[in-house]
Amino acid sequence: MRKEQRRRIRIELALPAWIYIENKRFSTETKNLSLKGVLLNLKRGRVKLIKGEKYKIIISPGGGVEIKVISKFVDQTQRGASFDFIKMDEVSFRNLFNIIRLYAPDPDLVKEELTNPAFDVKDLDL
């Protein structure tokens, strides 16, 4: 089994979250989070997700703050469902960035991530 190579710092953090599937809102929570994606506490069978499909996710770190993202479903295991972020507004990104920096072992490394693209724009299919 090959070791997974992450390009982004990932933090373990349980925050309230909601995912919209076929115009229905499902409550969940984050298990881990990075600038590029999230693992949600969604076990197999709870909801029907389609690999490669886009889903709206809202993450609430508290204080009325909402991080709104359009994401692409990647995989679902017993640990949860993983999503890659493909679109968010500037305010959501700034809030996400601040949360990752707050909980990261080395906040300066999070800032350095901004100099290295995590994706290719042509792959986003916007």
Protein backbone atom coordinates (compact mmCIF):
# COMPACT_ATOMS: atom_id res chain seq x y z
CA MET A 1 0.00 0.00 0.00
CA ARG A 2 1.48 3.38 -0.97
CA LYS A 3 1.68 6.21 1.49
CA GLU A 4 -0.62 9.11 0.66
CA GLN A 5 1.20 12.33 -0.30
CA ARG A 6 -0.65 15.43 0.90
CA ARG A 7 0.12 18.81 -0.63
CA ARG A 8 -1.71 20.77 2.06
CA ILE A 9 -1.62 20.94 5.84
CA ARG A 10 -4.62 19.10 7.24
CA ILE A 11 -5.99 19.80 10.71
CA GLU A 12 -8.19 17.53 12.80
CA LEU A 13 -11.18 19.66 13.79
CA ALA A 14 -14.86 18.96 14.43
CA LEU A 15 -16.97 21.90 13.25
CA PRO A 16 -20.69 21.96 12.45
CA ALA A 17 -21.29 21.58 8.71
CA TRP A 18 -24.13 21.11 6.25
CA ILE A 19 -24.14 19.54 2.81
CA TYR A 20 -26.83 20.09 0.20
CA ILE A 21 -27.84 17.00 -1.77
CA GLU A 22 -30.67 17.27 -4.30
CA ASN A 23 -31.84 20.51 -2.63
CA LYS A 24 -31.99 18.86 0.80
CA ARG A 25 -29.79 20.02 3.67
CA PHE A 26 -28.02 17.36 5.75
CA SER A 27 -26.34 18.19 9.06
CA THR A 28 -22.88 16.76 9.74
CA GLU A 29 -19.50 17.85 11.08
CA THR A 30 -15.97 18.13 9.80
CA LYS A 31 -13.40 15.52 10.80
CA ASN A 32 -10.44 17.22 9.19
CA LEU A 33 -9.91 20.28 7.07
CA SER A 34 -7.34 21.84 4.74
CA LEU A 35 -7.24 24.79 2.35
CA LYS A 36 -8.10 22.34 -0.43
CA GLY A 37 -10.75 20.07 1.06
CA VAL A 38 -12.63 18.50 3.92
CA LEU A 39 -13.47 15.11 5.38
CA LEU A 40 -17.07 15.12 6.61
CA ASN A 41 -18.52 12.72 9.15
CA LEU A 42 -20.84 11.08 6.62
CA LYS A 43 -20.84 7.30 6.83
CA ARG A 44 -21.67 5.11 3.85
CA GLY A 45 -25.37 4.65 3.37
CA ARG A 46 -26.44 7.80 5.23
CA VAL A 47 -26.64 9.83 2.02
CA LYS A 48 -26.16 9.00 -1.65
CA LEU A 49 -23.13 10.76 -3.08
CA ILE A 50 -21.85 10.49 -6.64
CA LYS A 51 -18.09 10.59 -7.28
CA GLY A 52 -17.09 13.65 -9.24
CA GLU A 53 -20.39 15.47 -8.59
CA LYS A 54 -20.43 18.98 -7.15
CA TYR A 55 -21.98 19.69 -3.75
CA LYS A 56 -22.49 22.85 -1.72
CA ILE A 57 -21.02 22.62 1.78
CA ILE A 58 -21.32 25.16 4.58
CA ILE A 59 -18.93 24.98 7.54
CA SER A 60 -19.70 27.00 10.66
CA PRO A 61 -16.75 27.76 12.95
CA GLY A 62 -19.04 29.78 15.24
CA GLY A 63 -19.86 33.41 15.89
CA GLY A 64 -22.18 33.57 12.88
CA VAL A 65 -19.31 32.89 10.48
CA GLU A 66 -20.04 30.57 7.53
CA ILE A 67 -17.54 29.11 5.09
CA LYS A 68 -19.50 28.41 1.90
CA VAL A 69 -17.84 26.21 -0.70
CA ILE A 70 -18.66 24.34 -3.86
CA SER A 71 -16.88 21.03 -3.67
CA LYS A 72 -16.36 17.86 -5.67
CA PHE A 73 -17.03 14.51 -4.01
CA VAL A 74 -13.90 12.34 -4.03
CA ASP A 75 -14.48 9.23 -1.90
CA GLN A 76 -16.45 7.74 0.97
CA THR A 77 -15.13 5.27 3.53
CA GLN A 78 -16.08 4.27 7.05
CA ARG A 79 -14.10 7.31 8.25
CA GLY A 80 -16.29 9.70 6.28
CA ALA A 81 -16.74 11.44 2.93
CA SER A 82 -13.93 13.46 1.35
CA PHE A 83 -14.44 16.52 -0.82
CA ASP A 84 -12.11 18.77 -2.82
CA PHE A 85 -12.95 22.46 -2.72
CA ILE A 86 -13.37 23.94 -6.19
CA LYS A 87 -14.97 27.34 -5.55
CA MET A 88 -15.53 29.78 -2.66
CA ASP A 89 -15.75 33.52 -2.22
CA GLU A 90 -12.93 35.62 -0.76
CA VAL A 91 -14.55 35.98 2.67
CA SER A 92 -15.01 32.22 2.98
CA PHE A 93 -11.41 31.63 1.92
CA ARG A 94 -10.09 34.17 4.41
CA ASN A 95 -12.09 32.52 7.22
CA LEU A 96 -10.90 29.05 6.18
CA PHE A 97 -7.29 30.26 5.98
CA ASN A 98 -7.49 31.79 9.47
CA ILE A 99 -8.93 28.59 10.97
CA ILE A 100 -6.24 26.41 9.38
CA ARG A 101 -3.51 28.79 10.61
CA LEU A 102 -5.00 28.87 14.12
CA TYR A 103 -4.93 25.07 14.53
CA ALA A 104 -1.88 24.21 12.40
CA PRO A 105 1.30 23.04 14.16
CA ASP A 106 3.25 25.68 12.19
CA PRO A 107 1.08 28.63 11.04
CA ASP A 108 3.86 29.98 8.80
CA LEU A 109 3.73 26.83 6.66
CA VAL A 110 0.05 27.50 5.96
CA LYS A 111 0.96 30.93 4.59
CA GLU A 112 3.62 29.32 2.38
CA GLU A 113 0.94 27.07 0.86
CA LEU A 114 -0.48 30.11 -0.91
CA THR A 115 2.61 30.29 -3.12
CA ASN A 116 2.07 26.74 -4.47
CA PRO A 117 -1.11 26.02 -6.43
CA ALA A 118 -2.97 22.94 -5.20
CA PHE A 119 -4.81 22.46 -8.47
CA ASP A 120 -4.74 23.37 -12.14
CA VAL A 121 -7.43 25.87 -13.16
CA LYS A 122 -8.22 23.90 -16.34
CA ASP A 123 -9.22 20.91 -14.17
CA LEU A 124 -11.89 22.87 -12.28
CA ASP A 125 -14.58 22.65 -14.97
CA LEU A 126 -16.26 25.87 -13.81
